[in-house]
Amino acid sequence: MYVLLAKLNKLILPSLTKSGLDVTKAKPWQKALLAYRYFVTVRALDKK
């Protein structure tokens, strides 16, 4: 399930770090998006 979510995230959600986002200056919704992507990515890697 997490592997599928990680693939969907890569296709749908924007990559904030590639666009040069400074995490210390990120807006709350950007921090939430980063946390969500981290959570899903870690779980997907654990499943492999």
N, C-alpha and C. Protein backbone atom coordinates (compact mmCIF):
# COMPACT_ATOMS: atom_id res chain seq x y z
N MET A 1 0.82 -1.19 0.00
CA MET A 1 0.00 0.00 0.00
C MET A 1 0.87 1.26 0.00
N TYR A 2 1.89 1.29 0.86
CA TYR A 2 2.74 2.48 0.93
C TYR A 2 3.60 2.63 -0.33
N VAL A 3 3.95 1.53 -0.96
CA VAL A 3 4.73 1.61 -2.19
C VAL A 3 3.90 2.28 -3.27
N LEU A 4 2.63 1.91 -3.36
CA LEU A 4 1.73 2.53 -4.33
C LEU A 4 1.54 4.02 -4.02
N LEU A 5 1.35 4.34 -2.76
CA LEU A 5 1.21 5.75 -2.37
C LEU A 5 2.45 6.55 -2.71
N ALA A 6 3.62 5.97 -2.50
CA ALA A 6 4.86 6.68 -2.82
C ALA A 6 4.96 6.96 -4.31
N LYS A 7 4.56 6.00 -5.13
CA LYS A 7 4.59 6.22 -6.58
C LYS A 7 3.59 7.28 -7.01
N LEU A 8 2.41 7.26 -6.41
CA LEU A 8 1.40 8.29 -6.72
C LEU A 8 1.88 9.67 -6.27
N ASN A 9 2.50 9.73 -5.11
CA ASN A 9 3.03 11.01 -4.62
C ASN A 9 4.05 11.59 -5.59
N LYS A 10 4.90 10.71 -6.11
CA LYS A 10 5.94 11.18 -7.02
C LYS A 10 5.33 11.74 -8.31
N LEU A 11 4.23 11.15 -8.75
CA LEU A 11 3.59 11.61 -9.97
C LEU A 11 2.74 12.86 -9.77
N ILE A 12 2.05 12.93 -8.64
CA ILE A 12 1.04 13.98 -8.45
C ILE A 12 1.55 15.19 -7.67
N LEU A 13 2.18 14.93 -6.54
CA LEU A 13 2.56 16.03 -5.66
C LEU A 13 3.84 16.72 -6.13
N PRO A 14 3.94 18.04 -5.89
CA PRO A 14 5.14 18.76 -6.32
C PRO A 14 6.35 18.40 -5.47
N SER A 15 7.51 18.43 -6.08
CA SER A 15 8.75 18.22 -5.35
C SER A 15 9.21 19.57 -4.82
N LEU A 16 9.10 19.76 -3.54
CA LEU A 16 9.41 21.06 -2.95
C LEU A 16 10.91 21.29 -2.82
N THR A 17 11.68 20.24 -2.60
CA THR A 17 13.11 20.43 -2.44
C THR A 17 13.80 20.71 -3.77
N LYS A 18 13.29 20.14 -4.85
CA LYS A 18 13.88 20.41 -6.16
C LYS A 18 13.61 21.84 -6.60
N SER A 19 12.54 22.44 -6.11
CA SER A 19 12.22 23.82 -6.47
C SER A 19 12.96 24.81 -5.59
N GLY A 20 13.85 24.31 -4.72
CA GLY A 20 14.69 25.18 -3.91
C GLY A 20 14.03 25.69 -2.64
N LEU A 21 13.09 24.94 -2.10
CA LEU A 21 12.41 25.34 -0.88
C LEU A 21 13.36 25.27 0.30
N ASP A 22 13.42 26.34 1.06
CA ASP A 22 14.16 26.35 2.32
C ASP A 22 13.19 25.92 3.41
N VAL A 23 13.46 24.78 4.03
CA VAL A 23 12.53 24.20 4.99
C VAL A 23 12.29 25.13 6.18
N THR A 24 13.28 25.90 6.55
CA THR A 24 13.11 26.81 7.69
C THR A 24 12.15 27.95 7.37
N LYS A 25 11.97 28.24 6.08
CA LYS A 25 11.07 29.32 5.68
C LYS A 25 9.78 28.80 5.04
N ALA A 26 9.55 27.51 5.15
CA ALA A 26 8.38 26.90 4.52
C ALA A 26 7.10 27.28 5.26
N LYS A 27 6.03 27.36 4.50
CA LYS A 27 4.71 27.63 5.07
C LYS A 27 4.22 26.35 5.75
N PRO A 28 3.25 26.48 6.65
CA PRO A 28 2.75 25.30 7.37
C PRO A 28 2.25 24.19 6.44
N TRP A 29 1.57 24.53 5.35
CA TRP A 29 1.07 23.48 4.46
C TRP A 29 2.22 22.79 3.74
N GLN A 30 3.30 23.51 3.48
CA GLN A 30 4.47 22.90 2.84
C GLN A 30 5.17 21.95 3.80
N LYS A 31 5.24 22.32 5.06
CA LYS A 31 5.83 21.44 6.07
C LYS A 31 4.99 20.18 6.24
N ALA A 32 3.68 20.33 6.21
CA ALA A 32 2.79 19.18 6.32
C ALA A 32 2.97 18.25 5.12
N LEU A 33 3.12 18.81 3.94
CA LEU A 33 3.34 18.01 2.74
C LEU A 33 4.68 17.28 2.81
N LEU A 34 5.71 17.93 3.28
CA LEU A 34 7.01 17.28 3.45
C LEU A 34 6.93 16.15 4.47
N ALA A 35 6.23 16.38 5.56
CA ALA A 35 6.10 15.34 6.59
C ALA A 35 5.33 14.14 6.05
N TYR A 36 4.27 14.39 5.30
CA TYR A 36 3.48 13.31 4.71
C TYR A 36 4.32 12.49 3.74
N ARG A 37 5.05 13.18 2.87
CA ARG A 37 5.88 12.46 1.90
C ARG A 37 6.98 11.66 2.59
N TYR A 38 7.55 12.21 3.65
CA TYR A 38 8.56 11.48 4.41
C TYR A 38 7.96 10.23 5.04
N PHE A 39 6.80 10.38 5.67
CA PHE A 39 6.12 9.26 6.31
C PHE A 39 5.86 8.13 5.32
N VAL A 40 5.32 8.47 4.17
CA VAL A 40 4.99 7.46 3.16
C VAL A 40 6.26 6.83 2.59
N THR A 41 7.27 7.63 2.33
CA THR A 41 8.51 7.11 1.75
C THR A 41 9.20 6.13 2.70
N VAL A 42 9.26 6.48 3.98
CA VAL A 42 9.90 5.59 4.96
C VAL A 42 9.14 4.27 5.06
N ARG A 43 7.83 4.34 5.08
CA ARG A 43 7.03 3.11 5.16
C ARG A 43 7.18 2.27 3.90
N ALA A 44 7.27 2.92 2.74
CA ALA A 44 7.43 2.19 1.48
C ALA A 44 8.79 1.49 1.44
N LEU A 45 9.83 2.14 1.94
CA LEU A 45 11.15 1.53 1.94
C LEU A 45 11.22 0.38 2.94
N ASP A 46 10.48 0.46 4.02
CA ASP A 46 10.44 -0.63 5.00
C ASP A 46 9.77 -1.87 4.41
N LYS A 47 8.85 -1.68 3.50
CA LYS A 47 8.11 -2.80 2.92
C LYS A 47 8.93 -3.55 1.87
N LYS A 48 9.94 -2.92 1.32
CA LYS A 48 10.73 -3.56 0.26
C LYS A 48 11.68 -4.57 0.81
